[in-house]
mmCIF file of all heavy atoms, coordinates in Angstrom:
data_MODEL
# 
_entry.id   MODEL 
# 
loop_
_atom_site.group_PDB 
_atom_site.id 
_atom_site.type_symbol 
_atom_site.label_atom_id 
_atom_site.label_alt_id 
_atom_site.label_comp_id 
_atom_site.label_asym_id 
_atom_site.label_entity_id 
_atom_site.label_seq_id 
_atom_site.pdbx_PDB_ins_code 
_atom_site.Cartn_x 
_atom_site.Cartn_y 
_atom_site.Cartn_z 
_atom_site.occupancy 
_atom_site.B_iso_or_equiv 
_atom_site.pdbx_formal_charge 
_atom_site.auth_seq_id 
_atom_site.auth_comp_id 
_atom_site.auth_asym_id 
_atom_site.auth_atom_id 
_atom_site.pdbx_PDB_model_num 
ATOM 1   N N   . SER A 1 1  ? -0.171 -0.314  -10.677 1.00 0.00 ? 1  SER A N   1 
ATOM 2   C CA  . SER A 1 1  ? -0.269 1.075   -10.224 1.00 0.00 ? 1  SER A CA  1 
ATOM 3   C C   . SER A 1 1  ? 0.955  1.381   -9.365  1.00 0.00 ? 1  SER A C   1 
ATOM 4   O O   . SER A 1 1  ? 1.669  0.470   -8.925  1.00 0.00 ? 1  SER A O   1 
ATOM 5   C CB  . SER A 1 1  ? -1.537 1.273   -9.396  1.00 0.00 ? 1  SER A CB  1 
ATOM 6   O OG  . SER A 1 1  ? -1.456 0.543   -8.193  1.00 0.00 ? 1  SER A OG  1 
ATOM 7   N N   . SER A 1 2  ? 1.172  2.645   -9.103  1.00 0.00 ? 2  SER A N   1 
ATOM 8   C CA  . SER A 1 2  ? 2.281  3.043   -8.235  1.00 0.00 ? 2  SER A CA  1 
ATOM 9   C C   . SER A 1 2  ? 2.172  2.386   -6.867  1.00 0.00 ? 2  SER A C   1 
ATOM 10  O O   . SER A 1 2  ? 3.172  1.964   -6.285  1.00 0.00 ? 2  SER A O   1 
ATOM 11  C CB  . SER A 1 2  ? 2.303  4.564   -8.076  1.00 0.00 ? 2  SER A CB  1 
ATOM 12  O OG  . SER A 1 2  ? 2.569  5.172   -9.298  1.00 0.00 ? 2  SER A OG  1 
ATOM 13  N N   . GLU A 1 3  ? 0.952  2.297   -6.354  1.00 0.00 ? 3  GLU A N   1 
ATOM 14  C CA  . GLU A 1 3  ? 0.731  1.696   -5.040  1.00 0.00 ? 3  GLU A CA  1 
ATOM 15  C C   . GLU A 1 3  ? 1.027  0.192   -5.057  1.00 0.00 ? 3  GLU A C   1 
ATOM 16  O O   . GLU A 1 3  ? 1.571  -0.350  -4.100  1.00 0.00 ? 3  GLU A O   1 
ATOM 17  C CB  . GLU A 1 3  ? -0.710 1.927   -4.564  1.00 0.00 ? 3  GLU A CB  1 
ATOM 18  C CG  . GLU A 1 3  ? -1.089 3.386   -4.390  1.00 0.00 ? 3  GLU A CG  1 
ATOM 19  C CD  . GLU A 1 3  ? -1.446 4.078   -5.710  1.00 0.00 ? 3  GLU A CD  1 
ATOM 20  O OE1 . GLU A 1 3  ? -1.961 3.416   -6.643  1.00 0.00 ? 3  GLU A OE1 1 
ATOM 21  O OE2 . GLU A 1 3  ? -1.189 5.288   -5.815  1.00 0.00 ? 3  GLU A OE2 1 
ATOM 22  N N   . SER A 1 4  ? 0.651  -0.473  -6.127  1.00 0.00 ? 4  SER A N   1 
ATOM 23  C CA  . SER A 1 4  ? 0.845  -1.925  -6.232  1.00 0.00 ? 4  SER A CA  1 
ATOM 24  C C   . SER A 1 4  ? 2.316  -2.310  -6.327  1.00 0.00 ? 4  SER A C   1 
ATOM 25  O O   . SER A 1 4  ? 2.697  -3.413  -5.925  1.00 0.00 ? 4  SER A O   1 
ATOM 26  C CB  . SER A 1 4  ? 0.103  -2.478  -7.447  1.00 0.00 ? 4  SER A CB  1 
ATOM 27  O OG  . SER A 1 4  ? -1.273 -2.285  -7.313  1.00 0.00 ? 4  SER A OG  1 
ATOM 28  N N   . ILE A 1 5  ? 3.131  -1.428  -6.850  1.00 0.00 ? 5  ILE A N   1 
ATOM 29  C CA  . ILE A 1 5  ? 4.561  -1.728  -7.007  1.00 0.00 ? 5  ILE A CA  1 
ATOM 30  C C   . ILE A 1 5  ? 5.168  -2.078  -5.653  1.00 0.00 ? 5  ILE A C   1 
ATOM 31  O O   . ILE A 1 5  ? 5.899  -3.062  -5.524  1.00 0.00 ? 5  ILE A O   1 
ATOM 32  C CB  . ILE A 1 5  ? 5.299  -0.546  -7.667  1.00 0.00 ? 5  ILE A CB  1 
ATOM 33  C CG1 . ILE A 1 5  ? 4.836  -0.390  -9.118  1.00 0.00 ? 5  ILE A CG1 1 
ATOM 34  C CG2 . ILE A 1 5  ? 6.814  -0.741  -7.595  1.00 0.00 ? 5  ILE A CG2 1 
ATOM 35  C CD1 . ILE A 1 5  ? 5.312  0.879   -9.795  1.00 0.00 ? 5  ILE A CD1 1 
ATOM 36  N N   . GLY A 1 6  ? 4.856  -1.290  -4.642  1.00 0.00 ? 6  GLY A N   1 
ATOM 37  C CA  . GLY A 1 6  ? 5.373  -1.552  -3.297  1.00 0.00 ? 6  GLY A CA  1 
ATOM 38  C C   . GLY A 1 6  ? 4.901  -2.882  -2.744  1.00 0.00 ? 6  GLY A C   1 
ATOM 39  O O   . GLY A 1 6  ? 5.662  -3.609  -2.096  1.00 0.00 ? 6  GLY A O   1 
ATOM 40  N N   . THR A 1 7  ? 3.640  -3.218  -3.002  1.00 0.00 ? 7  THR A N   1 
ATOM 41  C CA  . THR A 1 7  ? 3.085  -4.488  -2.543  1.00 0.00 ? 7  THR A CA  1 
ATOM 42  C C   . THR A 1 7  ? 3.822  -5.659  -3.181  1.00 0.00 ? 7  THR A C   1 
ATOM 43  O O   . THR A 1 7  ? 4.189  -6.627  -2.508  1.00 0.00 ? 7  THR A O   1 
ATOM 44  C CB  . THR A 1 7  ? 1.577  -4.567  -2.877  1.00 0.00 ? 7  THR A CB  1 
ATOM 45  O OG1 . THR A 1 7  ? 0.917  -3.445  -2.286  1.00 0.00 ? 7  THR A OG1 1 
ATOM 46  C CG2 . THR A 1 7  ? 0.963  -5.845  -2.372  1.00 0.00 ? 7  THR A CG2 1 
ATOM 47  N N   . PHE A 1 8  ? 4.060  -5.564  -4.480  1.00 0.00 ? 8  PHE A N   1 
ATOM 48  C CA  . PHE A 1 8  ? 4.791  -6.617  -5.190  1.00 0.00 ? 8  PHE A CA  1 
ATOM 49  C C   . PHE A 1 8  ? 6.223  -6.708  -4.660  1.00 0.00 ? 8  PHE A C   1 
ATOM 50  O O   . PHE A 1 8  ? 6.730  -7.813  -4.423  1.00 0.00 ? 8  PHE A O   1 
ATOM 51  C CB  . PHE A 1 8  ? 4.809  -6.336  -6.696  1.00 0.00 ? 8  PHE A CB  1 
ATOM 52  C CG  . PHE A 1 8  ? 3.611  -6.847  -7.427  1.00 0.00 ? 8  PHE A CG  1 
ATOM 53  C CD1 . PHE A 1 8  ? 2.354  -6.311  -7.208  1.00 0.00 ? 8  PHE A CD1 1 
ATOM 54  C CD2 . PHE A 1 8  ? 3.727  -7.860  -8.356  1.00 0.00 ? 8  PHE A CD2 1 
ATOM 55  C CE1 . PHE A 1 8  ? 1.240  -6.781  -7.890  1.00 0.00 ? 8  PHE A CE1 1 
ATOM 56  C CE2 . PHE A 1 8  ? 2.627  -8.348  -9.045  1.00 0.00 ? 8  PHE A CE2 1 
ATOM 57  C CZ  . PHE A 1 8  ? 1.373  -7.800  -8.808  1.00 0.00 ? 8  PHE A CZ  1 
ATOM 58  N N   . ALA A 1 9  ? 6.869  -5.565  -4.482  1.00 0.00 ? 9  ALA A N   1 
ATOM 59  C CA  . ALA A 1 9  ? 8.253  -5.548  -3.994  1.00 0.00 ? 9  ALA A CA  1 
ATOM 60  C C   . ALA A 1 9  ? 8.351  -6.186  -2.617  1.00 0.00 ? 9  ALA A C   1 
ATOM 61  O O   . ALA A 1 9  ? 9.285  -6.952  -2.344  1.00 0.00 ? 9  ALA A O   1 
ATOM 62  C CB  . ALA A 1 9  ? 8.775  -4.116  -3.970  1.00 0.00 ? 9  ALA A CB  1 
ATOM 63  N N   . ASN A 1 10 ? 7.386  -5.893  -1.760  1.00 0.00 ? 10 ASN A N   1 
ATOM 64  C CA  . ASN A 1 10 ? 7.385  -6.491  -0.419  1.00 0.00 ? 10 ASN A CA  1 
ATOM 65  C C   . ASN A 1 10 ? 7.192  -8.001  -0.493  1.00 0.00 ? 10 ASN A C   1 
ATOM 66  O O   . ASN A 1 10 ? 7.888  -8.753  0.189   1.00 0.00 ? 10 ASN A O   1 
ATOM 67  C CB  . ASN A 1 10 ? 6.284  -5.874  0.449   1.00 0.00 ? 10 ASN A CB  1 
ATOM 68  C CG  . ASN A 1 10 ? 6.629  -4.482  0.903   1.00 0.00 ? 10 ASN A CG  1 
ATOM 69  O OD1 . ASN A 1 10 ? 7.786  -4.098  0.958   1.00 0.00 ? 10 ASN A OD1 1 
ATOM 70  N ND2 . ASN A 1 10 ? 5.610  -3.709  1.212   1.00 0.00 ? 10 ASN A ND2 1 
ATOM 71  N N   . PHE A 1 11 ? 6.259  -8.445  -1.303  1.00 0.00 ? 11 PHE A N   1 
ATOM 72  C CA  . PHE A 1 11 ? 5.997  -9.877  -1.409  1.00 0.00 ? 11 PHE A CA  1 
ATOM 73  C C   . PHE A 1 11 ? 7.232  -10.633 -1.892  1.00 0.00 ? 11 PHE A C   1 
ATOM 74  O O   . PHE A 1 11 ? 7.560  -11.697 -1.367  1.00 0.00 ? 11 PHE A O   1 
ATOM 75  C CB  . PHE A 1 11 ? 4.815  -10.161 -2.338  1.00 0.00 ? 11 PHE A CB  1 
ATOM 76  C CG  . PHE A 1 11 ? 4.497  -11.623 -2.418  1.00 0.00 ? 11 PHE A CG  1 
ATOM 77  C CD1 . PHE A 1 11 ? 3.666  -12.217 -1.485  1.00 0.00 ? 11 PHE A CD1 1 
ATOM 78  C CD2 . PHE A 1 11 ? 5.049  -12.430 -3.405  1.00 0.00 ? 11 PHE A CD2 1 
ATOM 79  C CE1 . PHE A 1 11 ? 3.392  -13.573 -1.526  1.00 0.00 ? 11 PHE A CE1 1 
ATOM 80  C CE2 . PHE A 1 11 ? 4.779  -13.787 -3.465  1.00 0.00 ? 11 PHE A CE2 1 
ATOM 81  C CZ  . PHE A 1 11 ? 3.946  -14.363 -2.522  1.00 0.00 ? 11 PHE A CZ  1 
ATOM 82  N N   . PHE A 1 12 ? 7.898  -10.074 -2.891  1.00 0.00 ? 12 PHE A N   1 
ATOM 83  C CA  . PHE A 1 12 ? 9.071  -10.747 -3.458  1.00 0.00 ? 12 PHE A CA  1 
ATOM 84  C C   . PHE A 1 12 ? 10.361 -10.399 -2.708  1.00 0.00 ? 12 PHE A C   1 
ATOM 85  O O   . PHE A 1 12 ? 11.452 -10.742 -3.153  1.00 0.00 ? 12 PHE A O   1 
ATOM 86  C CB  . PHE A 1 12 ? 9.194  -10.440 -4.950  1.00 0.00 ? 12 PHE A CB  1 
ATOM 87  C CG  . PHE A 1 12 ? 8.115  -11.098 -5.765  1.00 0.00 ? 12 PHE A CG  1 
ATOM 88  C CD1 . PHE A 1 12 ? 7.124  -10.338 -6.363  1.00 0.00 ? 12 PHE A CD1 1 
ATOM 89  C CD2 . PHE A 1 12 ? 8.070  -12.473 -5.902  1.00 0.00 ? 12 PHE A CD2 1 
ATOM 90  C CE1 . PHE A 1 12 ? 6.112  -10.948 -7.098  1.00 0.00 ? 12 PHE A CE1 1 
ATOM 91  C CE2 . PHE A 1 12 ? 7.065  -13.085 -6.641  1.00 0.00 ? 12 PHE A CE2 1 
ATOM 92  C CZ  . PHE A 1 12 ? 6.082  -12.320 -7.233  1.00 0.00 ? 12 PHE A CZ  1 
ATOM 93  N N   . LYS A 1 13 ? 10.210 -9.705  -1.571  1.00 0.00 ? 13 LYS A N   1 
ATOM 94  C CA  . LYS A 1 13 ? 11.321 -9.392  -0.670  1.00 0.00 ? 13 LYS A CA  1 
ATOM 95  C C   . LYS A 1 13 ? 12.462 -8.659  -1.375  1.00 0.00 ? 13 LYS A C   1 
ATOM 96  O O   . LYS A 1 13 ? 13.650 -9.016  -1.223  1.00 0.00 ? 13 LYS A O   1 
ATOM 97  C CB  . LYS A 1 13 ? 11.828 -10.658 0.006   1.00 0.00 ? 13 LYS A CB  1 
ATOM 98  C CG  . LYS A 1 13 ? 10.786 -11.307 0.895   1.00 0.00 ? 13 LYS A CG  1 
ATOM 99  C CD  . LYS A 1 13 ? 11.320 -12.557 1.563   1.00 0.00 ? 13 LYS A CD  1 
ATOM 100 C CE  . LYS A 1 13 ? 10.309 -13.088 2.536   1.00 0.00 ? 13 LYS A CE  1 
ATOM 101 N NZ  . LYS A 1 13 ? 9.538  -14.199 2.112   1.00 0.00 ? 13 LYS A NZ  1 
ATOM 102 N N   . LEU A 1 14 ? 12.107 -7.636  -2.143  1.00 0.00 ? 14 LEU A N   1 
ATOM 103 C CA  . LEU A 1 14 ? 13.107 -6.833  -2.824  1.00 0.00 ? 14 LEU A CA  1 
ATOM 104 C C   . LEU A 1 14 ? 13.676 -5.802  -1.862  1.00 0.00 ? 14 LEU A C   1 
ATOM 105 O O   . LEU A 1 14 ? 12.937 -5.194  -1.078  1.00 0.00 ? 14 LEU A O   1 
ATOM 106 C CB  . LEU A 1 14 ? 12.497 -6.118  -4.035  1.00 0.00 ? 14 LEU A CB  1 
ATOM 107 C CG  . LEU A 1 14 ? 11.907 -7.000  -5.120  1.00 0.00 ? 14 LEU A CG  1 
ATOM 108 C CD1 . LEU A 1 14 ? 11.341 -6.148  -6.252  1.00 0.00 ? 14 LEU A CD1 1 
ATOM 109 C CD2 . LEU A 1 14 ? 12.942 -7.965  -5.666  1.00 0.00 ? 14 LEU A CD2 1 
ATOM 110 N N   . GLY A 1 15 ? 14.980 -5.598  -1.924  1.00 0.00 ? 15 GLY A N   1 
ATOM 111 C CA  . GLY A 1 15 ? 15.631 -4.568  -1.125  1.00 0.00 ? 15 GLY A CA  1 
ATOM 112 C C   . GLY A 1 15 ? 15.338 -3.188  -1.709  1.00 0.00 ? 15 GLY A C   1 
ATOM 113 O O   . GLY A 1 15 ? 14.667 -3.051  -2.735  1.00 0.00 ? 15 GLY A O   1 
ATOM 114 N N   . LYS A 1 16 ? 15.875 -2.173  -1.079  1.00 0.00 ? 16 LYS A N   1 
ATOM 115 C CA  . LYS A 1 16 ? 15.616 -0.796  -1.512  1.00 0.00 ? 16 LYS A CA  1 
ATOM 116 C C   . LYS A 1 16 ? 16.059 -0.549  -2.954  1.00 0.00 ? 16 LYS A C   1 
ATOM 117 O O   . LYS A 1 16 ? 15.322 -0.007  -3.763  1.00 0.00 ? 16 LYS A O   1 
ATOM 118 C CB  . LYS A 1 16 ? 16.309 0.176   -0.556  1.00 0.00 ? 16 LYS A CB  1 
ATOM 119 C CG  . LYS A 1 16 ? 16.028 1.635   -0.853  1.00 0.00 ? 16 LYS A CG  1 
ATOM 120 C CD  . LYS A 1 16 ? 16.693 2.535   0.158   1.00 0.00 ? 16 LYS A CD  1 
ATOM 121 C CE  . LYS A 1 16 ? 16.563 4.006   -0.064  1.00 0.00 ? 16 LYS A CE  1 
ATOM 122 N NZ  . LYS A 1 16 ? 15.997 4.512   -1.240  1.00 0.00 ? 16 LYS A NZ  1 
ATOM 123 N N   . ARG A 1 17 ? 17.290 -0.946  -3.263  1.00 0.00 ? 17 ARG A N   1 
ATOM 124 C CA  . ARG A 1 17 ? 17.819 -0.740  -4.615  1.00 0.00 ? 17 ARG A CA  1 
ATOM 125 C C   . ARG A 1 17 ? 17.048 -1.566  -5.654  1.00 0.00 ? 17 ARG A C   1 
ATOM 126 O O   . ARG A 1 17 ? 16.748 -1.098  -6.748  1.00 0.00 ? 17 ARG A O   1 
ATOM 127 C CB  . ARG A 1 17 ? 19.305 -1.116  -4.635  1.00 0.00 ? 17 ARG A CB  1 
ATOM 128 C CG  . ARG A 1 17 ? 20.093 -0.270  -5.585  1.00 0.00 ? 17 ARG A CG  1 
ATOM 129 C CD  . ARG A 1 17 ? 21.595 -0.510  -5.413  1.00 0.00 ? 17 ARG A CD  1 
ATOM 130 N NE  . ARG A 1 17 ? 22.058 -0.885  -6.727  1.00 0.00 ? 17 ARG A NE  1 
ATOM 131 C CZ  . ARG A 1 17 ? 22.607 -2.048  -7.040  1.00 0.00 ? 17 ARG A CZ  1 
ATOM 132 N NH1 . ARG A 1 17 ? 22.828 -2.946  -6.136  1.00 0.00 ? 17 ARG A NH1 1 
ATOM 133 N NH2 . ARG A 1 17 ? 22.971 -2.298  -8.263  1.00 0.00 ? 17 ARG A NH2 1 
ATOM 134 N N   . GLU A 1 18 ? 16.702 -2.794  -5.284  1.00 0.00 ? 18 GLU A N   1 
ATOM 135 C CA  . GLU A 1 18 ? 15.932 -3.662  -6.184  1.00 0.00 ? 18 GLU A CA  1 
ATOM 136 C C   . GLU A 1 18 ? 14.530 -3.098  -6.403  1.00 0.00 ? 18 GLU A C   1 
ATOM 137 O O   . GLU A 1 18 ? 14.015 -3.125  -7.525  1.00 0.00 ? 18 GLU A O   1 
ATOM 138 C CB  . GLU A 1 18 ? 15.825 -5.066  -5.596  1.00 0.00 ? 18 GLU A CB  1 
ATOM 139 C CG  . GLU A 1 18 ? 17.146 -5.793  -5.526  1.00 0.00 ? 18 GLU A CG  1 
ATOM 140 C CD  . GLU A 1 18 ? 17.078 -7.028  -4.636  1.00 0.00 ? 18 GLU A CD  1 
ATOM 141 O OE1 . GLU A 1 18 ? 16.526 -6.942  -3.527  1.00 0.00 ? 18 GLU A OE1 1 
ATOM 142 O OE2 . GLU A 1 18 ? 17.584 -8.072  -5.077  1.00 0.00 ? 18 GLU A OE2 1 
ATOM 143 N N   . THR A 1 19 ? 13.923 -2.573  -5.356  1.00 0.00 ? 19 THR A N   1 
ATOM 144 C CA  . THR A 1 19 ? 12.589 -1.986  -5.469  1.00 0.00 ? 19 THR A CA  1 
ATOM 145 C C   . THR A 1 19 ? 12.622 -0.765  -6.375  1.00 0.00 ? 19 THR A C   1 
ATOM 146 O O   . THR A 1 19 ? 11.742 -0.574  -7.219  1.00 0.00 ? 19 THR A O   1 
ATOM 147 C CB  . THR A 1 19 ? 12.032 -1.606  -4.081  1.00 0.00 ? 19 THR A CB  1 
ATOM 148 O OG1 . THR A 1 19 ? 11.931 -2.796  -3.299  1.00 0.00 ? 19 THR A OG1 1 
ATOM 149 C CG2 . THR A 1 19 ? 10.677 -0.940  -4.187  1.00 0.00 ? 19 THR A CG2 1 
ATOM 150 N N   . ASP A 1 20 ? 13.651 0.055   -6.223  1.00 0.00 ? 20 ASP A N   1 
ATOM 151 C CA  . ASP A 1 20 ? 13.800 1.242   -7.070  1.00 0.00 ? 20 ASP A CA  1 
ATOM 152 C C   . ASP A 1 20 ? 13.925 0.833   -8.536  1.00 0.00 ? 20 ASP A C   1 
ATOM 153 O O   . ASP A 1 20 ? 13.290 1.406   -9.419  1.00 0.00 ? 20 ASP A O   1 
ATOM 154 C CB  . ASP A 1 20 ? 15.020 2.047   -6.622  1.00 0.00 ? 20 ASP A CB  1 
ATOM 155 C CG  . ASP A 1 20 ? 15.178 3.340   -7.393  1.00 0.00 ? 20 ASP A CG  1 
ATOM 156 O OD1 . ASP A 1 20 ? 14.193 4.107   -7.474  1.00 0.00 ? 20 ASP A OD1 1 
ATOM 157 O OD2 . ASP A 1 20 ? 16.288 3.585   -7.909  1.00 0.00 ? 20 ASP A OD2 1 
ATOM 158 N N   . TYR A 1 21 ? 14.728 -0.193  -8.797  1.00 0.00 ? 21 TYR A N   1 
ATOM 159 C CA  . TYR A 1 21 ? 14.906 -0.691  -10.160 1.00 0.00 ? 21 TYR A CA  1 
ATOM 160 C C   . TYR A 1 21 ? 13.592 -1.271  -10.693 1.00 0.00 ? 21 TYR A C   1 
ATOM 161 O O   . TYR A 1 21 ? 13.197 -0.988  -11.830 1.00 0.00 ? 21 TYR A O   1 
ATOM 162 C CB  . TYR A 1 21 ? 16.008 -1.757  -10.191 1.00 0.00 ? 21 TYR A CB  1 
ATOM 163 C CG  . TYR A 1 21 ? 16.335 -2.262  -11.569 1.00 0.00 ? 21 TYR A CG  1 
ATOM 164 C CD1 . TYR A 1 21 ? 17.220 -1.578  -12.389 1.00 0.00 ? 21 TYR A CD1 1 
ATOM 165 C CD2 . TYR A 1 21 ? 15.751 -3.428  -12.059 1.00 0.00 ? 21 TYR A CD2 1 
ATOM 166 C CE1 . TYR A 1 21 ? 17.521 -2.034  -13.659 1.00 0.00 ? 21 TYR A CE1 1 
ATOM 167 C CE2 . TYR A 1 21 ? 16.047 -3.905  -13.327 1.00 0.00 ? 21 TYR A CE2 1 
ATOM 168 C CZ  . TYR A 1 21 ? 16.927 -3.198  -14.126 1.00 0.00 ? 21 TYR A CZ  1 
ATOM 169 O OH  . TYR A 1 21 ? 17.212 -3.650  -15.395 1.00 0.00 ? 21 TYR A OH  1 
ATOM 170 N N   . PHE A 1 22 ? 12.904 -2.045  -9.874  1.00 0.00 ? 22 PHE A N   1 
ATOM 171 C CA  . PHE A 1 22 ? 11.625 -2.640  -10.269 1.00 0.00 ? 22 PHE A CA  1 
ATOM 172 C C   . PHE A 1 22 ? 10.617 -1.537  -10.613 1.00 0.00 ? 22 PHE A C   1 
ATOM 173 O O   . PHE A 1 22 ? 9.916  -1.614  -11.625 1.00 0.00 ? 22 PHE A O   1 
ATOM 174 C CB  . PHE A 1 22 ? 11.091 -3.532  -9.143  1.00 0.00 ? 22 PHE A CB  1 
ATOM 175 C CG  . PHE A 1 22 ? 9.787  -4.201  -9.451  1.00 0.00 ? 22 PHE A CG  1 
ATOM 176 C CD1 . PHE A 1 22 ? 9.693  -5.195  -10.418 1.00 0.00 ? 22 PHE A CD1 1 
ATOM 177 C CD2 . PHE A 1 22 ? 8.632  -3.841  -8.771  1.00 0.00 ? 22 PHE A CD2 1 
ATOM 178 C CE1 . PHE A 1 22 ? 8.483  -5.811  -10.712 1.00 0.00 ? 22 PHE A CE1 1 
ATOM 179 C CE2 . PHE A 1 22 ? 7.417  -4.452  -9.049  1.00 0.00 ? 22 PHE A CE2 1 
ATOM 180 C CZ  . PHE A 1 22 ? 7.351  -5.440  -10.017 1.00 0.00 ? 22 PHE A CZ  1 
ATOM 181 N N   . ARG A 1 23 ? 10.561 -0.494  -9.786  1.00 0.00 ? 23 ARG A N   1 
ATOM 182 C CA  . ARG A 1 23 ? 9.654  0.639   -10.035 1.00 0.00 ? 23 ARG A CA  1 
ATOM 183 C C   . ARG A 1 23 ? 9.959  1.287   -11.389 1.00 0.00 ? 23 ARG A C   1 
ATOM 184 O O   . ARG A 1 23 ? 9.065  1.561   -12.179 1.00 0.00 ? 23 ARG A O   1 
ATOM 185 C CB  . ARG A 1 23 ? 9.786  1.655   -8.902  1.00 0.00 ? 23 ARG A CB  1 
ATOM 186 C CG  . ARG A 1 23 ? 8.851  2.848   -8.996  1.00 0.00 ? 23 ARG A CG  1 
ATOM 187 C CD  . ARG A 1 23 ? 9.010  3.795   -7.820  1.00 0.00 ? 23 ARG A CD  1 
ATOM 188 N NE  . ARG A 1 23 ? 8.972  3.138   -6.524  1.00 0.00 ? 23 ARG A NE  1 
ATOM 189 C CZ  . ARG A 1 23 ? 7.859  2.739   -5.911  1.00 0.00 ? 23 ARG A CZ  1 
ATOM 190 N NH1 . ARG A 1 23 ? 6.693  2.937   -6.478  1.00 0.00 ? 23 ARG A NH1 1 
ATOM 191 N NH2 . ARG A 1 23 ? 7.916  2.147   -4.739  1.00 0.00 ? 23 ARG A NH2 1 
ATOM 192 N N   . LYS A 1 24 ? 11.238 1.492   -11.666 1.00 0.00 ? 24 LYS A N   1 
ATOM 193 C CA  . LYS A 1 24 ? 11.633 2.089   -12.946 1.00 0.00 ? 24 LYS A CA  1 
ATOM 194 C C   . LYS A 1 24 ? 11.264 1.178   -14.116 1.00 0.00 ? 24 LYS A C   1 
ATOM 195 O O   . LYS A 1 24 ? 10.828 1.656   -15.167 1.00 0.00 ? 24 LYS A O   1 
ATOM 196 C CB  . LYS A 1 24 ? 13.132 2.386   -12.953 1.00 0.00 ? 24 LYS A CB  1 
ATOM 197 C CG  . LYS A 1 24 ? 13.493 3.545   -12.058 1.00 0.00 ? 24 LYS A CG  1 
ATOM 198 C CD  . LYS A 1 24 ? 14.990 3.718   -11.949 1.00 0.00 ? 24 LYS A CD  1 
ATOM 199 C CE  . LYS A 1 24 ? 15.309 4.798   -10.932 1.00 0.00 ? 24 LYS A CE  1 
ATOM 200 N NZ  . LYS A 1 24 ? 16.728 4.901   -10.641 1.00 0.00 ? 24 LYS A NZ  1 
ATOM 201 N N   . LEU A 1 25 ? 11.437 -0.130  -13.936 1.00 0.00 ? 25 LEU A N   1 
ATOM 202 C CA  . LEU A 1 25 ? 11.050 -1.092  -14.980 1.00 0.00 ? 25 LEU A CA  1 
ATOM 203 C C   . LEU A 1 25 ? 9.558  -1.000  -15.281 1.00 0.00 ? 25 LEU A C   1 
ATOM 204 O O   . LEU A 1 25 ? 9.153  -1.013  -16.445 1.00 0.00 ? 25 LEU A O   1 
ATOM 205 C CB  . LEU A 1 25 ? 11.363 -2.521  -14.547 1.00 0.00 ? 25 LEU A CB  1 
ATOM 206 C CG  . LEU A 1 25 ? 12.699 -3.125  -14.855 1.00 0.00 ? 25 LEU A CG  1 
ATOM 207 C CD1 . LEU A 1 25 ? 12.687 -4.609  -14.520 1.00 0.00 ? 25 LEU A CD1 1 
ATOM 208 C CD2 . LEU A 1 25 ? 13.115 -2.917  -16.279 1.00 0.00 ? 25 LEU A CD2 1 
ATOM 209 N N   . VAL A 1 26 ? 8.756  -0.942  -14.224 1.00 0.00 ? 26 VAL A N   1 
ATOM 210 C CA  . VAL A 1 26 ? 7.307  -0.856  -14.404 1.00 0.00 ? 26 VAL A CA  1 
ATOM 211 C C   . VAL A 1 26 ? 6.962  0.409   -15.184 1.00 0.00 ? 26 VAL A C   1 
ATOM 212 O O   . VAL A 1 26 ? 6.230  0.364   -16.174 1.00 0.00 ? 26 VAL A O   1 
ATOM 213 C CB  . VAL A 1 26 ? 6.567  -0.885  -13.045 1.00 0.00 ? 26 VAL A CB  1 
ATOM 214 C CG1 . VAL A 1 26 ? 5.088  -0.563  -13.222 1.00 0.00 ? 26 VAL A CG1 1 
ATOM 215 C CG2 . VAL A 1 26 ? 6.745  -2.237  -12.375 1.00 0.00 ? 26 VAL A CG2 1 
# 
């Protein structure tokens, strides 16, 4: 879910740009 993306990004210690890319991938 959109909410879970942030949780995953935080756990895997993704930076802002990496989180944005991860969100787009999802």
